Protein backbone atom coordinates (compact mmCIF):
# COMPACT_ATOMS: atom_id res chain seq x y z
CA UNK A 1 -10.19 1.48 41.03
CA UNK A 2 -11.89 3.61 38.37
CA UNK A 3 -15.07 5.54 39.92
CA UNK A 4 -17.80 6.99 37.59
CA UNK A 5 -18.36 10.56 38.51
CA UNK A 6 -18.46 13.85 36.69
CA UNK A 7 -16.38 15.58 35.09
CA UNK A 8 -14.33 12.22 35.79
CA UNK A 9 -16.23 10.12 34.03
CA UNK A 10 -15.05 6.27 33.33
CA UNK A 11 -17.28 4.31 31.09
CA UNK A 12 -16.34 0.72 32.66
CA UNK A 13 -18.77 -2.61 32.21
CA UNK A 14 -18.21 -5.66 32.30
CA UNK A 15 -17.80 -8.67 29.34
CA UNK A 16 -18.21 -11.69 31.34
CA UNK A 17 -19.26 -14.50 29.19
CA UNK A 18 -16.32 -13.38 26.66
CA UNK A 19 -13.95 -11.86 29.13
CA UNK A 20 -11.61 -14.96 28.75
CA UNK A 21 -10.83 -14.69 25.15
CA UNK A 22 -11.42 -11.07 23.88
CA UNK A 23 -8.97 -8.18 24.97
CA UNK A 24 -10.52 -5.83 27.50
CA UNK A 25 -10.16 -1.92 26.97
CA UNK A 26 -10.34 0.38 30.31
CA UNK A 27 -11.96 4.14 29.23
CA UNK A 28 -11.58 6.92 31.13
CA UNK A 29 -13.27 9.98 29.87
CA UNK A 30 -12.75 14.00 30.66
CA UNK A 31 -14.20 17.07 30.07
CA UNK A 32 -17.13 18.67 28.01
CA UNK A 33 -20.16 16.59 26.67
CA UNK A 34 -18.47 16.74 23.13
CA UNK A 35 -15.57 14.63 24.58
CA UNK A 36 -18.19 12.64 26.17
CA UNK A 37 -19.39 11.94 22.72
CA UNK A 38 -16.02 11.14 21.38
CA UNK A 39 -15.82 8.92 23.92
CA UNK A 40 -18.97 7.24 23.04
CA UNK A 41 -18.17 6.47 19.80
CA UNK A 42 -14.86 4.90 20.32
CA UNK A 43 -16.65 2.98 22.80
CA UNK A 44 -18.94 2.06 20.32
CA UNK A 45 -16.48 0.85 17.65
CA UNK A 46 -14.60 -1.13 20.54
CA UNK A 47 -17.86 -3.06 21.04
CA UNK A 48 -18.61 -3.50 17.47
CA UNK A 49 -14.95 -5.07 17.28
CA UNK A 50 -15.16 -7.56 20.05
CA UNK A 51 -13.26 -5.87 22.44
CA UNK A 52 -14.66 -6.00 26.26
CA UNK A 53 -15.20 -2.92 28.80
CA UNK A 54 -13.04 -3.57 31.78
CA UNK A 55 -15.09 -1.98 35.18
CA UNK A 56 -11.27 -1.63 36.88
CA UNK A 57 -7.87 -0.65 35.54
CA UNK A 58 -6.82 -4.68 37.46
CA UNK A 59 -9.06 -6.66 34.97
CA UNK A 60 -8.49 -3.83 31.63
CA UNK A 61 -5.90 -5.66 28.68
CA UNK A 62 -5.12 -1.41 28.16
CA UNK A 63 -6.98 1.77 29.66
CA UNK A 64 -7.71 4.35 26.68
CA UNK A 65 -7.47 8.24 28.73
CA UNK A 66 -9.71 10.64 26.71
CA UNK A 67 -8.19 13.87 27.74
CA UNK A 68 -9.32 17.65 28.77
CA UNK A 69 -6.99 20.57 27.65
CA UNK A 70 -9.21 23.57 27.90
CA UNK A 71 -7.88 25.41 30.99
CA UNK A 72 -5.04 24.78 33.04
CA UNK A 73 -6.85 23.00 35.75
CA UNK A 74 -8.30 20.53 33.09
CA UNK A 75 -4.63 20.09 31.75
CA UNK A 76 -3.47 18.75 35.42
CA UNK A 77 -6.44 16.90 35.93
CA UNK A 78 -5.80 14.53 32.66
CA UNK A 79 -2.06 14.62 33.55
CA UNK A 80 -3.32 13.09 37.03
CA UNK A 81 -5.35 10.97 35.22
CA UNK A 82 -2.85 9.64 32.84
CA UNK A 83 -0.38 9.05 35.57
CA UNK A 84 -2.80 7.11 37.97
CA UNK A 85 -3.81 4.95 34.72
CA UNK A 86 -0.17 4.03 34.02
CA UNK A 87 0.48 3.26 37.88
CA UNK A 88 -2.69 1.15 37.70
CA UNK A 89 -2.38 -0.76 34.51
CA UNK A 90 1.21 0.15 32.62
CA UNK A 91 -0.59 0.22 29.00
CA UNK A 92 -1.96 3.65 28.30
CA UNK A 93 -3.66 5.20 25.36
CA UNK A 94 -4.00 9.05 25.09
CA UNK A 95 -6.47 10.60 23.17
CA UNK A 96 -8.87 13.72 23.20
CA UNK A 97 -8.02 17.92 23.20
CA UNK A 98 -4.40 17.15 25.70
CA UNK A 99 -3.11 15.08 22.51
CA UNK A 100 -2.93 18.37 20.68
CA UNK A 101 0.04 18.94 23.42
CA UNK A 102 1.89 15.72 22.81
CA UNK A 103 5.37 17.12 23.84
CA UNK A 104 3.89 18.03 27.35
CA UNK A 105 2.77 14.39 27.76
CA UNK A 106 5.44 12.76 26.70
CA UNK A 107 7.80 15.20 28.83
CA UNK A 108 5.49 13.88 32.12
CA UNK A 109 4.78 10.16 30.41
CA UNK A 110 7.47 9.17 27.99
CA UNK A 111 6.09 5.69 28.61
CA UNK A 112 2.65 5.92 27.30
CA UNK A 113 1.45 3.83 24.17
CA UNK A 114 0.04 6.52 21.53
CA UNK A 115 -1.33 10.10 21.81
CA UNK A 116 -4.27 11.13 19.28
CA UNK A 117 -6.14 14.36 19.02
CA UNK A 118 -9.62 15.09 19.43
CA UNK A 119 -12.43 13.19 17.47
CA UNK A 120 -9.25 11.02 16.26
CA UNK A 121 -11.37 7.84 16.21
CA UNK A 122 -9.62 6.06 13.92
CA UNK A 123 -6.06 6.97 15.39
CA UNK A 124 -7.35 5.59 18.56
CA UNK A 125 -8.17 2.32 17.14
CA UNK A 126 -4.87 2.04 15.40
CA UNK A 127 -3.46 1.95 19.10
CA UNK A 128 -5.82 -0.65 20.17
CA UNK A 129 -5.38 -2.67 17.47
CA UNK A 130 -1.28 -2.18 18.06
CA UNK A 131 -1.32 -3.41 21.75
CA UNK A 132 -4.57 -5.79 21.61
CA UNK A 133 -4.56 -6.79 17.94
CA UNK A 134 -8.71 -7.97 18.05
CA UNK A 135 -9.11 -12.01 18.25
CA UNK A 136 -10.95 -13.04 15.38
CA UNK A 137 -13.64 -15.91 15.92
CA UNK A 138 -14.52 -18.17 12.70
CA UNK A 139 -17.40 -19.18 14.20
CA UNK A 140 -19.11 -15.83 15.62
CA UNK A 141 -17.55 -13.13 13.10
CA UNK A 142 -19.30 -12.30 9.60
CA UNK A 143 -16.42 -10.50 8.52
CA UNK A 144 -13.21 -12.71 8.10
CA UNK A 145 -10.08 -10.75 10.08
CA UNK A 146 -8.38 -9.52 6.93
CA UNK A 147 -11.43 -8.32 5.47
CA UNK A 148 -13.89 -9.61 2.68
CA UNK A 149 -11.53 -9.84 -0.48
CA UNK A 150 -11.98 -10.55 -4.22
CA UNK A 151 -8.90 -11.78 -5.11
CA UNK A 152 -7.34 -15.33 -4.38
CA UNK A 153 -6.31 -16.00 -0.61
CA UNK A 154 -2.66 -16.03 -1.06
CA UNK A 155 -2.23 -12.00 -2.83
CA UNK A 156 -4.11 -8.30 -1.76
CA UNK A 157 -3.68 -4.87 -3.55
CA UNK A 158 -2.87 -2.67 -0.68
CA UNK A 159 -4.39 0.46 -1.49
CA UNK A 160 -1.64 3.84 0.31
CA UNK A 161 -3.33 6.78 -0.95
CA UNK A 162 -6.11 8.05 -3.07
CA UNK A 163 -6.20 11.01 -5.41
CA UNK A 164 -3.17 12.52 -7.42
CA UNK A 165 -1.85 16.09 -7.75
CA UNK A 166 -0.74 15.34 -11.81
CA UNK A 167 -2.72 17.06 -14.16
CA UNK A 168 -2.12 14.86 -16.89
CA UNK A 169 -3.98 16.51 -19.80
CA UNK A 170 -5.75 12.82 -20.98
CA UNK A 171 -6.35 12.25 -17.55
CA UNK A 172 -9.37 13.17 -15.43
CA UNK A 173 -8.95 11.04 -11.66
CA UNK A 174 -8.01 14.58 -10.06
CA UNK A 175 -11.33 15.47 -10.47
CA UNK A 176 -13.13 12.16 -9.76
CA UNK A 177 -11.14 11.08 -6.60
CA UNK A 178 -9.46 14.75 -5.87
CA UNK A 179 -5.71 15.59 -4.32
CA UNK A 180 -3.31 13.03 -3.11
CA UNK A 181 -4.66 11.42 0.25
CA UNK A 182 -2.08 9.51 1.72
CA UNK A 183 -2.74 6.78 4.53
CA UNK A 184 -0.45 7.20 7.57
CA UNK A 185 2.31 4.98 7.24
CA UNK A 186 0.82 2.83 10.84
CA UNK A 187 -2.74 2.42 9.25
CA UNK A 188 -1.07 0.90 6.26
CA UNK A 189 1.52 -1.22 7.94
CA UNK A 190 -1.42 -2.81 10.47
CA UNK A 191 -3.42 -3.75 7.20
CA UNK A 192 -0.49 -5.35 5.55
CA UNK A 193 -0.33 -7.44 8.96
CA UNK A 194 -3.86 -8.36 9.18
CA UNK A 195 -3.44 -9.51 5.32
CA UNK A 196 -0.45 -11.18 6.04
CA UNK A 197 -1.90 -13.37 9.28
CA UNK A 198 -4.57 -13.96 6.84
CA UNK A 199 -2.62 -16.36 4.43
CA UNK A 200 -1.46 -13.15 2.06
CA UNK A 201 1.55 -13.98 0.62
CA UNK A 202 2.10 -11.15 -1.90
CA UNK A 203 1.32 -7.26 -1.38
CA UNK A 204 0.78 -5.39 -4.46
CA UNK A 205 0.99 -1.26 -3.53
CA UNK A 206 -1.43 0.90 -5.73
CA UNK A 207 -2.02 4.28 -5.57
CA UNK A 208 -2.70 6.61 -8.53
CA UNK A 209 1.44 8.31 -7.74
CA UNK A 210 2.98 5.89 -5.33
CA UNK A 211 6.33 7.61 -5.46
CA UNK A 212 4.48 10.69 -4.44
CA UNK A 213 3.22 8.92 -1.36
CA UNK A 214 3.19 10.64 2.08
CA UNK A 215 4.35 14.24 0.34
CA UNK A 216 0.94 16.01 1.08
CA UNK A 217 1.69 14.50 4.91
CA UNK A 218 5.01 16.06 5.14
CA UNK A 219 6.13 12.28 5.41
CA UNK A 220 4.99 12.30 9.11
CA UNK A 221 6.58 9.82 11.47
CA UNK A 222 4.31 7.12 12.89
CA UNK A 223 5.11 4.30 15.68
CA UNK A 224 4.75 0.19 13.96
CA UNK A 225 6.25 -2.56 16.21
CA UNK A 226 7.78 -0.09 18.55
CA UNK A 227 9.74 2.02 15.98
CA UNK A 228 9.04 4.76 13.91
CA UNK A 229 8.37 4.99 10.22
CA UNK A 230 8.29 7.54 7.82
CA UNK A 231 4.97 8.23 5.49
CA UNK A 232 7.08 7.85 2.63
CA UNK A 233 7.51 5.38 -0.18
CA UNK A 234 10.60 4.44 0.71
CA UNK A 235 9.66 4.49 5.25
CA UNK A 236 6.45 1.99 3.77
CA UNK A 237 8.49 -0.61 2.07
CA UNK A 238 11.20 -0.99 4.87
CA UNK A 239 8.40 -1.89 6.98
CA UNK A 240 6.65 -4.27 4.58
CA UNK A 241 9.80 -5.89 4.44
CA UNK A 242 9.71 -6.70 8.12
CA UNK A 243 6.45 -9.37 7.06
CA UNK A 244 8.65 -11.54 4.63
CA UNK A 245 6.20 -11.84 1.77
CA UNK A 246 6.60 -10.56 -1.96
CA UNK A 247 6.09 -7.05 -1.69
CA UNK A 248 5.63 -5.36 -5.59
CA UNK A 249 4.89 -2.31 -6.36
CA UNK A 250 2.81 -0.30 -9.12
CA UNK A 251 2.20 2.74 -10.73
CA UNK A 252 5.82 4.48 -9.45
CA UNK A 253 6.35 7.90 -10.86
CA UNK A 254 10.44 8.17 -11.41
CA UNK A 255 10.94 10.63 -8.60
CA UNK A 256 14.91 10.50 -7.83
CA UNK A 257 14.36 9.01 -4.89
CA UNK A 258 12.91 5.96 -6.68
CA UNK A 259 16.84 5.10 -6.74
CA UNK A 260 16.31 4.78 -2.75
CA UNK A 261 14.51 1.08 -3.29
CA UNK A 262 17.19 0.19 -5.23
CA UNK A 263 19.19 -1.60 -1.89
CA UNK A 264 16.00 -2.64 -0.83
CA UNK A 265 15.47 -5.09 -3.83
CA UNK A 266 18.91 -6.01 -4.58
CA UNK A 267 18.83 -7.39 -0.76
CA UNK A 268 15.56 -9.46 -1.52
CA UNK A 269 13.38 -7.07 0.65
CA UNK A 270 11.38 -5.92 -1.80
CA UNK A 271 10.81 -7.82 -4.91
CA UNK A 272 12.70 -6.56 -8.12
CA UNK A 273 9.87 -5.38 -10.26
CA UNK A 274 8.83 -1.45 -11.16
CA UNK A 275 5.70 -0.56 -12.95
CA UNK A 276 6.50 3.04 -14.00
CA UNK A 277 3.71 4.82 -16.82
CA UNK A 278 6.12 6.66 -19.21
CA UNK A 279 3.36 7.12 -21.31
CA UNK A 280 5.63 8.30 -24.21
CA UNK A 281 9.31 9.52 -25.61
CA UNK A 282 8.78 12.70 -27.30
CA UNK A 283 9.26 15.43 -25.46
CA UNK A 284 7.59 17.46 -27.43
CA UNK A 285 4.26 14.88 -27.02
CA UNK A 286 5.13 14.40 -23.05
CA UNK A 287 5.08 18.46 -22.81
CA UNK A 288 1.26 18.44 -24.24
CA UNK A 289 0.52 15.28 -21.77
CA UNK A 290 2.33 17.49 -19.20
CA UNK A 291 3.99 14.48 -18.02
CA UNK A 292 7.89 14.53 -17.23
CA UNK A 293 10.11 14.79 -20.69
CA UNK A 294 13.50 14.00 -20.11
CA UNK A 295 14.05 10.73 -22.19
CA UNK A 296 17.65 10.61 -22.01
CA UNK A 297 17.89 11.13 -18.64
CA UNK A 298 15.60 8.07 -18.15
CA UNK A 299 17.73 6.07 -19.87
CA UNK A 300 20.06 6.88 -17.85
CA UNK A 301 18.12 5.72 -14.89
CA UNK A 302 17.04 2.81 -16.23
CA UNK A 303 20.27 1.86 -16.91
CA UNK A 304 21.23 2.60 -13.40
CA UNK A 305 18.80 0.60 -11.75
CA UNK A 306 19.68 -2.47 -13.81
CA UNK A 307 23.43 -2.11 -12.31
CA UNK A 308 21.88 -2.10 -9.04
CA UNK A 309 19.63 -4.83 -9.37
CA UNK A 310 20.65 -6.93 -12.61
CA UNK A 311 16.98 -8.83 -11.68
CA UNK A 312 14.83 -5.62 -12.12
CA UNK A 313 11.89 -6.35 -14.36
CA UNK A 314 10.55 -3.16 -15.37
CA UNK A 315 6.76 -2.56 -16.62
CA UNK A 316 5.22 0.52 -18.20
CA UNK A 317 2.17 1.74 -20.30
CA UNK A 318 1.99 4.01 -23.34
CA UNK A 319 -0.24 6.04 -25.55
CA UNK A 320 0.00 6.15 -29.00
CA UNK A 321 -1.66 8.06 -31.69
CA UNK A 322 -1.97 11.19 -28.95
CA UNK A 323 -3.30 14.70 -30.82
CA UNK A 324 -0.48 15.82 -32.63
CA UNK A 325 1.77 12.67 -32.45
CA UNK A 326 3.56 13.12 -35.84
CA UNK A 327 5.01 9.67 -37.30
CA UNK A 328 8.47 10.93 -36.83
CA UNK A 329 7.64 11.10 -32.60
CA UNK A 330 5.87 7.99 -32.98
CA UNK A 331 9.15 6.24 -34.61
CA UNK A 332 11.13 8.46 -31.36
CA UNK A 333 8.93 6.00 -29.41
CA UNK A 334 9.36 3.13 -30.73
CA UNK A 335 13.74 3.97 -30.76
CA UNK A 336 13.11 4.20 -26.58
CA UNK A 337 11.50 0.94 -26.38
CA UNK A 338 14.69 -0.63 -28.37
CA UNK A 339 16.88 1.00 -25.95
CA UNK A 340 14.83 0.60 -22.65
CA UNK A 341 14.48 -2.57 -23.40
CA UNK A 342 11.32 -3.05 -21.08
CA UNK A 343 9.83 -6.32 -19.81
CA UNK A 344 6.54 -5.65 -19.53
CA UNK A 345 4.63 -3.02 -21.64
CA UNK A 346 0.80 -2.35 -22.45
CA UNK A 347 -0.07 0.38 -24.85
CA UNK A 348 -3.77 1.76 -25.72
CA UNK A 349 -4.41 3.99 -28.95
CA UNK A 350 -5.78 7.08 -27.36
CA UNK A 351 -9.41 7.77 -27.19
CA UNK A 352 -10.88 11.12 -26.16
CA UNK A 353 -12.34 10.87 -22.45
CA UNK A 354 -15.15 13.05 -21.09
CA UNK A 355 -13.71 16.12 -19.53
CA UNK A 356 -9.98 15.58 -20.08
CA UNK A 357 -8.18 18.69 -21.09
CA UNK A 358 -6.46 16.94 -24.21
CA UNK A 359 -9.66 16.59 -26.31
CA UNK A 360 -9.19 20.34 -27.01
CA UNK A 361 -5.69 19.92 -28.42
CA UNK A 362 -5.41 20.43 -32.13
CA UNK A 363 -4.40 18.04 -34.64
CA UNK A 364 -6.01 14.64 -33.76
CA UNK A 365 -4.65 11.64 -35.31
CA UNK A 366 -7.00 9.58 -37.94
CA UNK A 367 -8.03 6.34 -36.21
CA UNK A 368 -6.75 4.50 -38.98
CA UNK A 369 -2.93 5.32 -38.17
CA UNK A 370 -3.77 4.92 -34.43
CA UNK A 371 -4.41 1.25 -35.16
CA UNK A 372 -1.63 1.19 -37.45
CA UNK A 373 0.93 2.56 -34.89
CA UNK A 374 -0.72 0.68 -32.10
CA UNK A 375 -0.28 -2.57 -34.15
CA UNK A 376 3.75 -1.86 -34.87
CA UNK A 377 4.06 -0.73 -31.43
CA UNK A 378 3.04 -4.29 -30.01
CA UNK A 379 5.02 -6.03 -32.50
CA UNK A 380 8.52 -4.33 -31.62
CA UNK A 381 7.64 -4.61 -28.17
CA UNK A 382 6.55 -8.41 -28.49
CA UNK A 383 9.78 -9.32 -30.11
CA UNK A 384 11.51 -7.36 -26.97
CA UNK A 385 9.93 -9.44 -24.57
CA UNK A 386 10.32 -12.68 -26.45
CA UNK A 387 14.36 -11.98 -26.80
CA UNK A 388 14.12 -11.29 -22.55
CA UNK A 389 12.05 -13.94 -21.79
CA UNK A 390 14.23 -16.43 -23.57
CA UNK A 391 17.29 -15.42 -20.73
CA UNK A 392 15.64 -17.00 -18.22
CA UNK A 393 16.32 -20.60 -20.04
CA UNK A 394 17.80 -22.48 -17.70
CA UNK A 395 17.32 -20.58 -14.83
CA UNK A 396 16.05 -21.67 -11.66
CA UNK A 397 12.85 -19.54 -10.53
CA UNK A 398 11.18 -19.18 -7.54
CA UNK A 399 7.50 -19.10 -8.40
CA UNK A 400 3.91 -18.33 -6.68
CA UNK A 401 1.17 -20.71 -7.36
CA UNK A 402 -2.06 -19.04 -8.35
CA UNK A 403 -4.30 -21.92 -9.82
CA UNK A 404 -3.95 -25.60 -10.62
CA UNK A 405 -5.85 -26.56 -14.36
CA UNK A 406 -5.91 -29.74 -16.10
CA UNK A 407 -2.76 -31.23 -14.03
CA UNK A 408 -0.93 -27.51 -15.05
CA UNK A 409 0.19 -25.44 -12.25
CA UNK A 410 -0.33 -21.55 -13.42
CA UNK A 411 2.23 -19.42 -11.29
CA UNK A 412 4.15 -16.21 -11.34
CA UNK A 413 7.92 -15.33 -10.76
CA UNK A 414 8.79 -11.80 -9.02
CA UNK A 415 8.73 -10.68 -12.94
CA UNK A 416 4.87 -11.12 -13.30
CA UNK A 417 2.37 -9.25 -11.50
CA UNK A 418 -1.05 -10.91 -11.75
CA UNK A 419 -3.36 -10.19 -14.77
CA UNK A 420 -1.61 -8.02 -16.54
CA UNK A 421 2.28 -10.02 -16.46
CA UNK A 422 2.81 -13.59 -18.16
CA UNK A 423 2.29 -16.61 -16.37
CA UNK A 424 4.96 -19.69 -15.21
CA UNK A 425 3.28 -22.96 -15.99
CA UNK A 426 4.44 -26.47 -15.05
CA UNK A 427 3.32 -29.86 -14.34
CA UNK A 428 1.24 -30.09 -11.26
CA UNK A 429 2.75 -32.60 -8.91
CA UNK A 430 0.88 -34.21 -6.07
CA UNK A 431 0.40 -31.34 -2.76
CA UNK A 432 0.93 -28.80 -5.04
CA UNK A 433 -1.77 -25.95 -4.30
CA UNK A 434 -2.62 -22.22 -4.60
CA UNK A 435 -0.51 -19.89 -2.42
CA UNK A 436 2.44 -22.46 -2.58
CA UNK A 437 5.91 -21.17 -3.37
CA UNK A 438 8.00 -23.63 -5.41
CA UNK A 439 11.28 -23.58 -7.34
CA UNK A 440 11.02 -24.18 -10.73
CA UNK A 441 13.64 -24.78 -13.83
CA UNK A 442 13.18 -22.90 -16.66
CA UNK A 443 13.02 -25.17 -20.19
CA UNK A 444 10.81 -22.83 -22.60
CA UNK A 445 9.59 -19.47 -23.22
CA UNK A 446 7.63 -17.68 -25.87
CA UNK A 447 6.65 -14.10 -26.36
CA UNK A 448 4.82 -13.85 -22.46
CA UNK A 449 5.10 -16.87 -20.93
CA UNK A 450 7.54 -19.57 -19.65
CA UNK A 451 7.26 -23.58 -18.64
CA UNK A 452 9.17 -25.51 -16.89
CA UNK A 453 9.31 -28.15 -14.34
CA UNK A 454 9.85 -28.86 -10.70
CA UNK A 455 13.16 -28.84 -8.98
């Protein structure tokens, strides 16, 4: 049994009325007052999330041990406390100063569930969530289990990082959001797990640079569902594939390791869809934009991706009328469009953004010329899009229904991201509802959308 004493302070209390339904956590706090404050903060968060605090090892579903590692006697006391908790309970989460010496803890007690350092409140809560998922009570909780969402129930955006390490001359995102700051992969996977449990059927992975995910964390490995996963785009996608929902990637820079995604797409574990912002095709303009500029190599890789994944949908965005863009360079962009045969494309006429380095570039393109080029660009792409959509005629597609309007169901295939791509429309039979997957035979197509019937 745990005994409250100093410096071995065990903060346990009962939860009585809710103990039959709420997960129960035991807590052992060792060390100095700073560690005690850390324990108080963790205990507060546990209570906020509805966990009960157990008075004994036997009544706890798991135990958190906040360790000390200042001197050798404190190290030994912490190791002894971990050993006692394992012997009495079996499910132990370790945090605190000794967590900085994880190898020492693992050598003595390889069976501990998780190890985190001092002040890592999120790490402790993530570990608790992993072993004791919080139980959502729809009658008592003010916030749904998946959180408050502004999208329909069946799809959600999954942000994996903030900031960006690129310095594109037309962009001010780094000055607003800072350098790349990736979320640990286990944190992202647990959020995705909650979203799926809440009814989400499509996860849209977003960041400023999805391909760079985890580089700032040196691709550190983390534990989720008893396995090790790298904080890396490929590792994240492999983990998300275990959730058996649609996973769509946005804002993917064409780094070499994007090639590693093709087997996942070919195997049906990841939607065959890539959103890659190419921005232009002229090497000189791309250099002025401070973007990658090997267009020949880009075309080769697009061809290789399509050989590996014939159903691959490619979406991109471009800027026309960038400062210094000549008519010949614009024609080069149109030639790239015709060669690449991209499925979905968005384009913008360049406009100055306060604070962007591109504002100081010479030879601005007149507004009239920018708008003319934008119109010509979209005409070329509309023709490409219509041609590619006609290839869908007679095909059977799996559709995720978004809404029903006037007896017509509006849904999306794997080729369509919400709000920015096309739709698949078909007569809504009785029982069809948003968030449902249905099989559709494609019977008609235009520049952007498909029509069909349920099979």
